[in-house]
Amino acid sequence: MPVTNEKVAERVFLARLYGDDYFPNHLLDRGGAILRGLCERIEAERPADLPALYVLTHGATEEFNLLGEALDEAGSEIETVAREEIAEDFWFIATAYGFEGADIEELIAPREW
């Protein structure tokens, strides 16, 4: 299902990490797919409130936990710059869908990175 939110459709997720050889592009692509999938779920399920949004973002965060393992295996990791970039993309998504009151830490609460 293509994303219909114009702000989201134009966004390059994890943009600051591309071009840094420390992060394999194919794994960044997986991270971008996780974020794009989150957007698709938000559009399909239309969460009515923050708790419903957090259920969706927590699922995506758990996918990033698994991606973190793949990054470790590739000699990389979700370090400070990557953590900030991922969190910023989650915040961007929340606000793009009208959840300006979302708590950034709660969006990614189950993170292991």
PDB file of N, CA and C in Angstrom:
ATOM      1  N   MET A   1       0.845  -1.174   0.000  1.00  0.00           N
ATOM      2  CA  MET A   1       0.000   0.000   0.000  1.00  0.00           C
ATOM      3  C   MET A   1       0.894   1.242   0.000  1.00  0.00           C
ATOM      4  N   PRO A   2       0.768   2.105  -0.993  1.00  0.00           N
ATOM      5  CA  PRO A   2       1.595   3.306  -1.010  1.00  0.00           C
ATOM      6  C   PRO A   2       1.147   4.315   0.054  1.00  0.00           C
ATOM      7  N   VAL A   3       2.090   5.033   0.596  1.00  0.00           N
ATOM      8  CA  VAL A   3       1.815   6.061   1.597  1.00  0.00           C
ATOM      9  C   VAL A   3       1.172   7.250   0.898  1.00  0.00           C
ATOM     10  N   THR A   4       0.093   7.783   1.482  1.00  0.00           N
ATOM     11  CA  THR A   4      -0.611   8.904   0.867  1.00  0.00           C
ATOM     12  C   THR A   4      -0.272  10.249   1.495  1.00  0.00           C
ATOM     13  N   ASN A   5       0.283  10.269   2.695  1.00  0.00           N
ATOM     14  CA  ASN A   5       0.673  11.513   3.346  1.00  0.00           C
ATOM     15  C   ASN A   5       1.848  12.108   2.563  1.00  0.00           C
ATOM     16  N   GLU A   6       1.652  13.300   1.987  1.00  0.00           N
ATOM     17  CA  GLU A   6       2.676  13.882   1.114  1.00  0.00           C
ATOM     18  C   GLU A   6       3.994  14.141   1.830  1.00  0.00           C
ATOM     19  N   LYS A   7       3.928  14.644   3.070  1.00  0.00           N
ATOM     20  CA  LYS A   7       5.164  14.900   3.821  1.00  0.00           C
ATOM     21  C   LYS A   7       5.960  13.621   3.987  1.00  0.00           C
ATOM     22  N   VAL A   8       5.258  12.546   4.311  1.00  0.00           N
ATOM     23  CA  VAL A   8       5.913  11.267   4.545  1.00  0.00           C
ATOM     24  C   VAL A   8       6.426  10.672   3.237  1.00  0.00           C
ATOM     25  N   ALA A   9       5.628  10.784   2.181  1.00  0.00           N
ATOM     26  CA  ALA A   9       6.010  10.202   0.894  1.00  0.00           C
ATOM     27  C   ALA A   9       7.313  10.807   0.368  1.00  0.00           C
ATOM     28  N   GLU A  10       7.573  12.072   0.691  1.00  0.00           N
ATOM     29  CA  GLU A  10       8.770  12.754   0.208  1.00  0.00           C
ATOM     30  C   GLU A  10       9.991  12.530   1.099  1.00  0.00           C
ATOM     31  N   ARG A  11       9.776  11.991   2.272  1.00  0.00           N
ATOM     32  CA  ARG A  11      10.846  11.849   3.264  1.00  0.00           C
ATOM     33  C   ARG A  11      11.810  10.716   2.905  1.00  0.00           C
ATOM     34  N   VAL A  12      13.096  10.981   3.029  1.00  0.00           N
ATOM     35  CA  VAL A  12      14.113   9.934   2.943  1.00  0.00           C
ATOM     36  C   VAL A  12      14.455   9.588   4.385  1.00  0.00           C
ATOM     37  N   PHE A  13      14.021   8.433   4.834  1.00  0.00           N
ATOM     38  CA  PHE A  13      14.281   8.026   6.205  1.00  0.00           C
ATOM     39  C   PHE A  13      15.746   7.649   6.380  1.00  0.00           C
ATOM     40  N   LEU A  14      16.270   7.959   7.547  1.00  0.00           N
ATOM     41  CA  LEU A  14      17.657   7.662   7.932  1.00  0.00           C
ATOM     42  C   LEU A  14      18.662   8.359   7.024  1.00  0.00           C
ATOM     43  N   ALA A  15      18.267   9.497   6.484  1.00  0.00           N
ATOM     44  CA  ALA A  15      19.061  10.205   5.466  1.00  0.00           C
ATOM     45  C   ALA A  15      20.486  10.503   5.916  1.00  0.00           C
ATOM     46  N   ARG A  16      20.673  10.924   7.166  1.00  0.00           N
ATOM     47  CA  ARG A  16      22.019  11.278   7.633  1.00  0.00           C
ATOM     48  C   ARG A  16      22.963  10.084   7.696  1.00  0.00           C
ATOM     49  N   LEU A  17      22.423   8.876   7.701  1.00  0.00           N
ATOM     50  CA  LEU A  17      23.271   7.693   7.848  1.00  0.00           C
ATOM     51  C   LEU A  17      23.800   7.176   6.511  1.00  0.00           C
ATOM     52  N   TYR A  18      23.062   7.474   5.432  1.00  0.00           N
ATOM     53  CA  TYR A  18      23.551   7.068   4.107  1.00  0.00           C
ATOM     54  C   TYR A  18      24.805   7.872   3.801  1.00  0.00           C
ATOM     55  N   GLY A  19      25.729   7.276   3.152  1.00  0.00           N
ATOM     56  CA  GLY A  19      26.981   7.954   2.829  1.00  0.00           C
ATOM     57  C   GLY A  19      28.061   7.737   3.878  1.00  0.00           C
ATOM     58  N   ASP A  20      27.679   7.173   5.016  1.00  0.00           N
ATOM     59  CA  ASP A  20      28.647   6.834   6.056  1.00  0.00           C
ATOM     60  C   ASP A  20      28.908   5.335   5.924  1.00  0.00           C
ATOM     61  N   ASP A  21      30.115   4.981   5.550  1.00  0.00           N
ATOM     62  CA  ASP A  21      30.449   3.579   5.297  1.00  0.00           C
ATOM     63  C   ASP A  21      30.256   2.681   6.514  1.00  0.00           C
ATOM     64  N   TYR A  22      30.144   3.273   7.686  1.00  0.00           N
ATOM     65  CA  TYR A  22      29.939   2.491   8.908  1.00  0.00           C
ATOM     66  C   TYR A  22      28.590   1.776   8.889  1.00  0.00           C
ATOM     67  N   PHE A  23      27.643   2.341   8.157  1.00  0.00           N
ATOM     68  CA  PHE A  23      26.297   1.768   8.087  1.00  0.00           C
ATOM     69  C   PHE A  23      26.064   1.179   6.699  1.00  0.00           C
ATOM     70  N   PRO A  24      25.957  -0.144   6.597  1.00  0.00           N
ATOM     71  CA  PRO A  24      25.711  -0.760   5.286  1.00  0.00           C
ATOM     72  C   PRO A  24      24.367  -0.295   4.709  1.00  0.00           C
ATOM     73  N   ASN A  25      24.416   0.168   3.474  1.00  0.00           N
ATOM     74  CA  ASN A  25      23.204   0.703   2.851  1.00  0.00           C
ATOM     75  C   ASN A  25      22.062  -0.297   2.810  1.00  0.00           C
ATOM     76  N   HIS A  26      22.372  -1.580   2.586  1.00  0.00           N
ATOM     77  CA  HIS A  26      21.275  -2.548   2.507  1.00  0.00           C
ATOM     78  C   HIS A  26      20.556  -2.678   3.849  1.00  0.00           C
ATOM     79  N   LEU A  27      21.273  -2.453   4.955  1.00  0.00           N
ATOM     80  CA  LEU A  27      20.620  -2.492   6.265  1.00  0.00           C
ATOM     81  C   LEU A  27      19.894  -1.182   6.549  1.00  0.00           C
ATOM     82  N   LEU A  28      20.416  -0.077   6.061  1.00  0.00           N
ATOM     83  CA  LEU A  28      19.680   1.183   6.166  1.00  0.00           C
ATOM     84  C   LEU A  28      18.387   1.104   5.368  1.00  0.00           C
ATOM     85  N   ASP A  29      18.447   0.441   4.224  1.00  0.00           N
ATOM     86  CA  ASP A  29      17.230   0.240   3.428  1.00  0.00           C
ATOM     87  C   ASP A  29      16.183  -0.533   4.229  1.00  0.00           C
ATOM     88  N   ARG A  30      16.640  -1.521   4.981  1.00  0.00           N
ATOM     89  CA  ARG A  30      15.705  -2.270   5.844  1.00  0.00           C
ATOM     90  C   ARG A  30      15.106  -1.360   6.907  1.00  0.00           C
ATOM     91  N   GLY A  31      15.922  -0.484   7.477  1.00  0.00           N
ATOM     92  CA  GLY A  31      15.418   0.471   8.458  1.00  0.00           C
ATOM     93  C   GLY A  31      14.393   1.411   7.844  1.00  0.00           C
ATOM     94  N   GLY A  32      14.685   1.893   6.656  1.00  0.00           N
ATOM     95  CA  GLY A  32      13.722   2.747   5.958  1.00  0.00           C
ATOM     96  C   GLY A  32      12.423   2.017   5.678  1.00  0.00           C
ATOM     97  N   ALA A  33      12.529   0.739   5.353  1.00  0.00           N
ATOM     98  CA  ALA A  33      11.325  -0.069   5.094  1.00  0.00           C
ATOM     99  C   ALA A  33      10.503  -0.240   6.373  1.00  0.00           C
ATOM    100  N   ILE A  34      11.174  -0.375   7.507  1.00  0.00           N
ATOM    101  CA  ILE A  34      10.455  -0.463   8.785  1.00  0.00           C
ATOM    102  C   ILE A  34       9.657   0.815   9.006  1.00  0.00           C
ATOM    103  N   LEU A  35      10.291   1.958   8.797  1.00  0.00           N
ATOM    104  CA  LEU A  35       9.621   3.242   9.001  1.00  0.00           C
ATOM    105  C   LEU A  35       8.494   3.451   7.995  1.00  0.00           C
ATOM    106  N   ARG A  36       8.721   3.082   6.753  1.00  0.00           N
ATOM    107  CA  ARG A  36       7.677   3.205   5.731  1.00  0.00           C
ATOM    108  C   ARG A  36       6.510   2.277   6.089  1.00  0.00           C
ATOM    109  N   GLY A  37       6.820   1.075   6.572  1.00  0.00           N
ATOM    110  CA  GLY A  37       5.775   0.148   7.000  1.00  0.00           C
ATOM    111  C   GLY A  37       4.969   0.709   8.161  1.00  0.00           C
ATOM    112  N   LEU A  38       5.639   1.404   9.073  1.00  0.00           N
ATOM    113  CA  LEU A  38       4.936   2.054  10.178  1.00  0.00           C
ATOM    114  C   LEU A  38       3.941   3.070   9.623  1.00  0.00           C
ATOM    115  N   CYS A  39       4.365   3.851   8.659  1.00  0.00           N
ATOM    116  CA  CYS A  39       3.470   4.839   8.043  1.00  0.00           C
ATOM    117  C   CYS A  39       2.268   4.155   7.392  1.00  0.00           C
ATOM    118  N   GLU A  40       2.525   3.077   6.707  1.00  0.00           N
ATOM    119  CA  GLU A  40       1.431   2.339   6.065  1.00  0.00           C
ATOM    120  C   GLU A  40       0.439   1.828   7.103  1.00  0.00           C
ATOM    121  N   ARG A  41       0.954   1.325   8.219  1.00  0.00           N
ATOM    122  CA  ARG A  41       0.071   0.839   9.286  1.00  0.00           C
ATOM    123  C   ARG A  41      -0.744   1.972   9.899  1.00  0.00           C
ATOM    124  N   ILE A  42      -0.110   3.123  10.098  1.00  0.00           N
ATOM    125  CA  ILE A  42      -0.833   4.268  10.648  1.00  0.00           C
ATOM    126  C   ILE A  42      -1.964   4.665   9.703  1.00  0.00           C
ATOM    127  N   GLU A  43      -1.682   4.700   8.412  1.00  0.00           N
ATOM    128  CA  GLU A  43      -2.719   5.076   7.453  1.00  0.00           C
ATOM    129  C   GLU A  43      -3.818   4.029   7.369  1.00  0.00           C
ATOM    130  N   ALA A  44      -3.461   2.764   7.475  1.00  0.00           N
ATOM    131  CA  ALA A  44      -4.462   1.697   7.383  1.00  0.00           C
ATOM    132  C   ALA A  44      -5.305   1.592   8.653  1.00  0.00           C
ATOM    133  N   GLU A  45      -4.658   1.702   9.808  1.00  0.00           N
ATOM    134  CA  GLU A  45      -5.345   1.475  11.082  1.00  0.00           C
ATOM    135  C   GLU A  45      -5.883   2.752  11.714  1.00  0.00           C
ATOM    136  N   ARG A  46      -5.363   3.892  11.297  1.00  0.00           N
ATOM    137  CA  ARG A  46      -5.805   5.194  11.803  1.00  0.00           C
ATOM    138  C   ARG A  46      -5.962   5.215  13.322  1.00  0.00           C
ATOM    139  N   PRO A  47      -4.852   5.140  14.045  1.00  0.00           N
ATOM    140  CA  PRO A  47      -4.939   5.141  15.507  1.00  0.00           C
ATOM    141  C   PRO A  47      -5.673   6.395  15.999  1.00  0.00           C
ATOM    142  N   ALA A  48      -6.579   6.190  16.930  1.00  0.00           N
ATOM    143  CA  ALA A  48      -7.442   7.276  17.405  1.00  0.00           C
ATOM    144  C   ALA A  48      -6.776   8.149  18.459  1.00  0.00           C
ATOM    145  N   ASP A  49      -5.750   7.621  19.122  1.00  0.00           N
ATOM    146  CA  ASP A  49      -5.130   8.368  20.209  1.00  0.00           C
ATOM    147  C   ASP A  49      -3.677   7.928  20.371  1.00  0.00           C
ATOM    148  N   LEU A  50      -2.996   8.598  21.291  1.00  0.00           N
ATOM    149  CA  LEU A  50      -1.576   8.279  21.498  1.00  0.00           C
ATOM    150  C   LEU A  50      -1.331   6.841  21.927  1.00  0.00           C
ATOM    151  N   PRO A  51      -2.110   6.275  22.863  1.00  0.00           N
ATOM    152  CA  PRO A  51      -1.857   4.875  23.207  1.00  0.00           C
ATOM    153  C   PRO A  51      -1.948   3.940  21.995  1.00  0.00           C
ATOM    154  N   ALA A  52      -2.867   4.203  21.098  1.00  0.00           N
ATOM    155  CA  ALA A  52      -2.990   3.368  19.895  1.00  0.00           C
ATOM    156  C   ALA A  52      -1.795   3.585  18.970  1.00  0.00           C
ATOM    157  N   LEU A  53      -1.321   4.828  18.885  1.00  0.00           N
ATOM    158  CA  LEU A  53      -0.127   5.098  18.084  1.00  0.00           C
ATOM    159  C   LEU A  53       1.080   4.392  18.673  1.00  0.00           C
ATOM    160  N   TYR A  54       1.217   4.438  20.001  1.00  0.00           N
ATOM    161  CA  TYR A  54       2.361   3.814  20.650  1.00  0.00           C
ATOM    162  C   TYR A  54       2.404   2.311  20.398  1.00  0.00           C
ATOM    163  N   VAL A  55       1.272   1.669  20.309  1.00  0.00           N
ATOM    164  CA  VAL A  55       1.256   0.235  19.986  1.00  0.00           C
ATOM    165  C   VAL A  55       1.955   0.011  18.643  1.00  0.00           C
ATOM    166  N   LEU A  56       1.651   0.868  17.668  1.00  0.00           N
ATOM    167  CA  LEU A  56       2.253   0.728  16.338  1.00  0.00           C
ATOM    168  C   LEU A  56       3.740   1.067  16.360  1.00  0.00           C
ATOM    169  N   THR A  57       4.104   2.148  17.055  1.00  0.00           N
ATOM    170  CA  THR A  57       5.518   2.526  17.069  1.00  0.00           C
ATOM    171  C   THR A  57       6.358   1.531  17.860  1.00  0.00           C
ATOM    172  N   HIS A  58       5.757   0.929  18.874  1.00  0.00           N
ATOM    173  CA  HIS A  58       6.508  -0.080  19.640  1.00  0.00           C
ATOM    174  C   HIS A  58       6.809  -1.298  18.772  1.00  0.00           C
ATOM    175  N   GLY A  59       5.856  -1.685  17.943  1.00  0.00           N
ATOM    176  CA  GLY A  59       6.109  -2.797  17.025  1.00  0.00           C
ATOM    177  C   GLY A  59       7.258  -2.491  16.083  1.00  0.00           C
ATOM    178  N   ALA A  60       7.286  -1.264  15.554  1.00  0.00           N
ATOM    179  CA  ALA A  60       8.369  -0.865  14.653  1.00  0.00           C
ATOM    180  C   ALA A  60       9.699  -0.782  15.406  1.00  0.00           C
ATOM    181  N   THR A  61       9.648  -0.336  16.646  1.00  0.00           N
ATOM    182  CA  THR A  61      10.870  -0.264  17.456  1.00  0.00           C
ATOM    183  C   THR A  61      11.441  -1.656  17.671  1.00  0.00           C
ATOM    184  N   GLU A  62      10.591  -2.626  17.907  1.00  0.00           N
ATOM    185  CA  GLU A  62      11.057  -4.001  18.087  1.00  0.00           C
ATOM    186  C   GLU A  62      11.697  -4.528  16.806  1.00  0.00           C
ATOM    187  N   GLU A  63      11.184  -4.084  15.646  1.00  0.00           N
ATOM    188  CA  GLU A  63      11.831  -4.458  14.390  1.00  0.00           C
ATOM    189  C   GLU A  63      13.227  -3.841  14.310  1.00  0.00           C
ATOM    190  N   PHE A  64      13.381  -2.608  14.804  1.00  0.00           N
ATOM    191  CA  PHE A  64      14.709  -1.992  14.839  1.00  0.00           C
ATOM    192  C   PHE A  64      15.633  -2.734  15.792  1.00  0.00           C
ATOM    193  N   ASN A  65      15.083  -3.299  16.864  1.00  0.00           N
ATOM    194  CA  ASN A  65      15.915  -4.112  17.759  1.00  0.00           C
ATOM    195  C   ASN A  65      16.537  -5.268  16.983  1.00  0.00           C
ATOM    196  N   LEU A  66      15.749  -5.913  16.133  1.00  0.00           N
ATOM    197  CA  LEU A  66      16.261  -7.010  15.301  1.00  0.00           C
ATOM    198  C   LEU A  66      17.263  -6.495  14.270  1.00  0.00           C
ATOM    199  N   LEU A  67      16.973  -5.332  13.705  1.00  0.00           N
ATOM    200  CA  LEU A  67      17.910  -4.736  12.754  1.00  0.00           C
ATOM    201  C   LEU A  67      19.238  -4.424  13.441  1.00  0.00           C
ATOM    202  N   GLY A  68      19.180  -4.044  14.710  1.00  0.00           N
ATOM    203  CA  GLY A  68      20.401  -3.788  15.473  1.00  0.00           C
ATOM    204  C   GLY A  68      21.290  -5.017  15.519  1.00  0.00           C
ATOM    205  N   GLU A  69      20.673  -6.185  15.635  1.00  0.00           N
ATOM    206  CA  GLU A  69      21.453  -7.430  15.628  1.00  0.00           C
ATOM    207  C   GLU A  69      22.140  -7.631  14.284  1.00  0.00           C
ATOM    208  N   ALA A  70      21.421  -7.336  13.197  1.00  0.00           N
ATOM    209  CA  ALA A  70      22.008  -7.470  11.864  1.00  0.00           C
ATOM    210  C   ALA A  70      23.149  -6.472  11.671  1.00  0.00           C
ATOM    211  N   LEU A  71      22.990  -5.270  12.203  1.00  0.00           N
ATOM    212  CA  LEU A  71      24.066  -4.286  12.121  1.00  0.00           C
ATOM    213  C   LEU A  71      25.291  -4.766  12.892  1.00  0.00           C
ATOM    214  N   ASP A  72      25.067  -5.334  14.076  1.00  0.00           N
ATOM    215  CA  ASP A  72      26.180  -5.876  14.861  1.00  0.00           C
ATOM    216  C   ASP A  72      26.935  -6.935  14.067  1.00  0.00           C
ATOM    217  N   GLU A  73      26.188  -7.826  13.421  1.00  0.00           N
ATOM    218  CA  GLU A  73      26.808  -8.889  12.628  1.00  0.00           C
ATOM    219  C   GLU A  73      27.610  -8.330  11.456  1.00  0.00           C
ATOM    220  N   ALA A  74      27.225  -7.137  10.983  1.00  0.00           N
ATOM    221  CA  ALA A  74      27.916  -6.513   9.850  1.00  0.00           C
ATOM    222  C   ALA A  74      29.058  -5.605  10.304  1.00  0.00           C
ATOM    223  N   GLY A  75      29.359  -5.604  11.619  1.00  0.00           N
ATOM    224  CA  GLY A  75      30.442  -4.781  12.130  1.00  0.00           C
ATOM    225  C   GLY A  75      30.037  -3.339  12.378  1.00  0.00           C
ATOM    226  N   SER A  76      28.753  -3.096  12.480  1.00  0.00           N
ATOM    227  CA  SER A  76      28.221  -1.771  12.735  1.00  0.00           C
ATOM    228  C   SER A  76      27.364  -1.848  13.995  1.00  0.00           C
ATOM    229  N   GLU A  77      26.656  -0.787  14.328  1.00  0.00           N
ATOM    230  CA  GLU A  77      25.749  -0.817  15.463  1.00  0.00           C
ATOM    231  C   GLU A  77      24.858   0.415  15.425  1.00  0.00           C
ATOM    232  N   ILE A  78      23.795   0.366  16.192  1.00  0.00           N
ATOM    233  CA  ILE A  78      22.962   1.552  16.363  1.00  0.00           C
ATOM    234  C   ILE A  78      23.596   2.352  17.495  1.00  0.00           C
ATOM    235  N   GLU A  79      24.485   3.266  17.096  1.00  0.00           N
ATOM    236  CA  GLU A  79      25.203   4.085  18.055  1.00  0.00           C
ATOM    237  C   GLU A  79      24.527   5.449  18.156  1.00  0.00           C
ATOM    238  N   THR A  80      25.182   6.405  18.799  1.00  0.00           N
ATOM    239  CA  THR A  80      24.545   7.688  19.133  1.00  0.00           C
ATOM    240  C   THR A  80      23.921   8.383  17.934  1.00  0.00           C
ATOM    241  N   VAL A  81      24.651   8.551  16.852  1.00  0.00           N
ATOM    242  CA  VAL A  81      24.124   9.248  15.676  1.00  0.00           C
ATOM    243  C   VAL A  81      22.930   8.486  15.110  1.00  0.00           C
ATOM    244  N   ALA A  82      23.045   7.176  15.022  1.00  0.00           N
ATOM    245  CA  ALA A  82      21.953   6.363  14.491  1.00  0.00           C
ATOM    246  C   ALA A  82      20.732   6.423  15.409  1.00  0.00           C
ATOM    247  N   ARG A  83      20.943   6.351  16.718  1.00  0.00           N
ATOM    248  CA  ARG A  83      19.823   6.438  17.669  1.00  0.00           C
ATOM    249  C   ARG A  83      19.069   7.742  17.483  1.00  0.00           C
ATOM    250  N   GLU A  84      19.811   8.836  17.369  1.00  0.00           N
ATOM    251  CA  GLU A  84      19.181  10.140  17.194  1.00  0.00           C
ATOM    252  C   GLU A  84      18.418  10.220  15.880  1.00  0.00           C
ATOM    253  N   GLU A  85      19.000   9.694  14.821  1.00  0.00           N
ATOM    254  CA  GLU A  85      18.348   9.736  13.508  1.00  0.00           C
ATOM    255  C   GLU A  85      17.069   8.900  13.514  1.00  0.00           C
ATOM    256  N   ILE A  86      17.122   7.732  14.096  1.00  0.00           N
ATOM    257  CA  ILE A  86      15.936   6.872  14.169  1.00  0.00           C
ATOM    258  C   ILE A  86      14.853   7.561  14.994  1.00  0.00           C
ATOM    259  N   ALA A  87      15.221   8.085  16.150  1.00  0.00           N
ATOM    260  CA  ALA A  87      14.244   8.762  17.015  1.00  0.00           C
ATOM    261  C   ALA A  87      13.624   9.960  16.302  1.00  0.00           C
ATOM    262  N   GLU A  88      14.441  10.728  15.588  1.00  0.00           N
ATOM    263  CA  GLU A  88      13.917  11.878  14.849  1.00  0.00           C
ATOM    264  C   GLU A  88      12.929  11.441  13.780  1.00  0.00           C
ATOM    265  N   ASP A  89      13.202  10.323  13.121  1.00  0.00           N
ATOM    266  CA  ASP A  89      12.268   9.839  12.104  1.00  0.00           C
ATOM    267  C   ASP A  89      10.956   9.366  12.739  1.00  0.00           C
ATOM    268  N   PHE A  90      11.025   8.729  13.892  1.00  0.00           N
ATOM    269  CA  PHE A  90       9.794   8.353  14.585  1.00  0.00           C
ATOM    270  C   PHE A  90       8.998   9.612  14.953  1.00  0.00           C
ATOM    271  N   TRP A  91       9.677  10.630  15.468  1.00  0.00           N
ATOM    272  CA  TRP A  91       9.017  11.887  15.841  1.00  0.00           C
ATOM    273  C   TRP A  91       8.404  12.549  14.608  1.00  0.00           C
ATOM    274  N   PHE A  92       9.143  12.568  13.500  1.00  0.00           N
ATOM    275  CA  PHE A  92       8.628  13.130  12.252  1.00  0.00           C
ATOM    276  C   PHE A  92       7.335  12.421  11.853  1.00  0.00           C
ATOM    277  N   ILE A  93       7.348  11.105  11.908  1.00  0.00           N
ATOM    278  CA  ILE A  93       6.159  10.338  11.528  1.00  0.00           C
ATOM    279  C   ILE A  93       4.984  10.680  12.432  1.00  0.00           C
ATOM    280  N   ALA A  94       5.204  10.697  13.729  1.00  0.00           N
ATOM    281  CA  ALA A  94       4.114  11.012  14.667  1.00  0.00           C
ATOM    282  C   ALA A  94       3.515  12.375  14.357  1.00  0.00           C
ATOM    283  N   THR A  95       4.362  13.377  14.169  1.00  0.00           N
ATOM    284  CA  THR A  95       3.839  14.720  13.920  1.00  0.00           C
ATOM    285  C   THR A  95       3.209  14.834  12.538  1.00  0.00           C
ATOM    286  N   ALA A  96       3.745  14.131  11.557  1.00  0.00           N
ATOM    287  CA  ALA A  96       3.170  14.171  10.209  1.00  0.00           C
ATOM    288  C   ALA A  96       1.743  13.627  10.189  1.00  0.00           C
ATOM    289  N   TYR A  97       1.437  12.744  11.136  1.00  0.00           N
ATOM    290  CA  TYR A  97       0.092  12.177  11.213  1.00  0.00           C
ATOM    291  C   TYR A  97      -0.750  12.834  12.303  1.00  0.00           C
ATOM    292  N   GLY A  98      -0.302  13.995  12.788  1.00  0.00           N
ATOM    293  CA  GLY A  98      -1.122  14.780  13.696  1.00  0.00           C
ATOM    294  C   GLY A  98      -0.967  14.481  15.169  1.00  0.00           C
ATOM    295  N   PHE A  99       0.059  13.749  15.541  1.00  0.00           N
ATOM    296  CA  PHE A  99       0.283  13.396  16.943  1.00  0.00           C
ATOM    297  C   PHE A  99       1.408  14.252  17.529  1.00  0.00           C
ATOM    298  N   GLU A 100       1.196  15.586  17.501  1.00  0.00           N
ATOM    299  CA  GLU A 100       2.220  16.508  17.995  1.00  0.00           C
ATOM    300  C   GLU A 100       2.525  16.308  19.476  1.00  0.00           C
ATOM    301  N   GLY A 101       1.578  15.770  20.229  1.00  0.00           N
ATOM    302  CA  GLY A 101       1.777  15.566  21.660  1.00  0.00           C
ATOM    303  C   GLY A 101       2.482  14.273  22.016  1.00  0.00           C
ATOM    304  N   ALA A 102       2.940  13.544  21.024  1.00  0.00           N
ATOM    305  CA  ALA A 102       3.619  12.269  21.286  1.00  0.00           C
ATOM    306  C   ALA A 102       4.918  12.501  22.042  1.00  0.00           C
ATOM    307  N   ASP A 103       5.199  11.623  22.964  1.00  0.00           N
ATOM    308  CA  ASP A 103       6.452  11.653  23.722  1.00  0.00           C
ATOM    309  C   ASP A 103       7.477  10.820  22.952  1.00  0.00           C
ATOM    310  N   ILE A 104       8.570  11.452  22.565  1.00  0.00           N
ATOM    311  CA  ILE A 104       9.559  10.767  21.731  1.00  0.00           C
ATOM    312  C   ILE A 104      10.115   9.523  22.412  1.00  0.00           C
ATOM    313  N   GLU A 105      10.301   9.588  23.721  1.00  0.00           N
ATOM    314  CA  GLU A 105      10.811   8.416  24.437  1.00  0.00           C
ATOM    315  C   GLU A 105       9.775   7.293  24.466  1.00  0.00           C
ATOM    316  N   GLU A 106       8.517   7.645  24.555  1.00  0.00           N
ATOM    317  CA  GLU A 106       7.467   6.623  24.561  1.00  0.00           C
ATOM    318  C   GLU A 106       7.292   6.017  23.175  1.00  0.00           C
ATOM    319  N   LEU A 107       7.522   6.810  22.130  1.00  0.00           N
ATOM    320  CA  LEU A 107       7.409   6.286  20.769  1.00  0.00           C
ATOM    321  C   LEU A 107       8.325   5.080  20.572  1.00  0.00           C
ATOM    322  N   ILE A 108       9.502   5.127  21.192  1.00  0.00           N
ATOM    323  CA  ILE A 108      10.523   4.088  20.998  1.00  0.00           C
ATOM    324  C   ILE A 108      10.853   3.370  22.307  1.00  0.00           C
ATOM    325  N   ALA A 109       9.884   3.306  23.199  1.00  0.00           N
ATOM    326  CA  ALA A 109      10.119   2.776  24.551  1.00  0.00           C
ATOM    327  C   ALA A 109      10.745   1.383  24.594  1.00  0.00           C
ATOM    328  N   PRO A 110      10.357   0.439  23.741  1.00  0.00           N
ATOM    329  CA  PRO A 110      10.960  -0.896  23.874  1.00  0.00           C
ATOM    330  C   PRO A 110      12.328  -1.057  23.206  1.00  0.00           C
ATOM    331  N   ARG A 111      12.972   0.050  22.908  1.00  0.00           N
ATOM    332  CA  ARG A 111      14.257  -0.044  22.194  1.00  0.00           C
ATOM    333  C   ARG A 111      15.317  -0.719  23.044  1.00  0.00           C
ATOM    334  N   GLU A 112      16.213  -1.387  22.354  1.00  0.00           N
ATOM    335  CA  GLU A 112      17.364  -2.035  22.988  1.00  0.00           C
ATOM    336  C   GLU A 112      18.657  -1.425  22.458  1.00  0.00           C
ATOM    337  N   TRP A 113      18.573  -0.214  21.980  1.00  0.00           N
ATOM    338  CA  TRP A 113      19.716   0.473  21.384  1.00  0.00           C
ATOM    339  C   TRP A 113      19.829   1.858  21.954  1.00  0.00           C
TER     340      TRP A 113
END
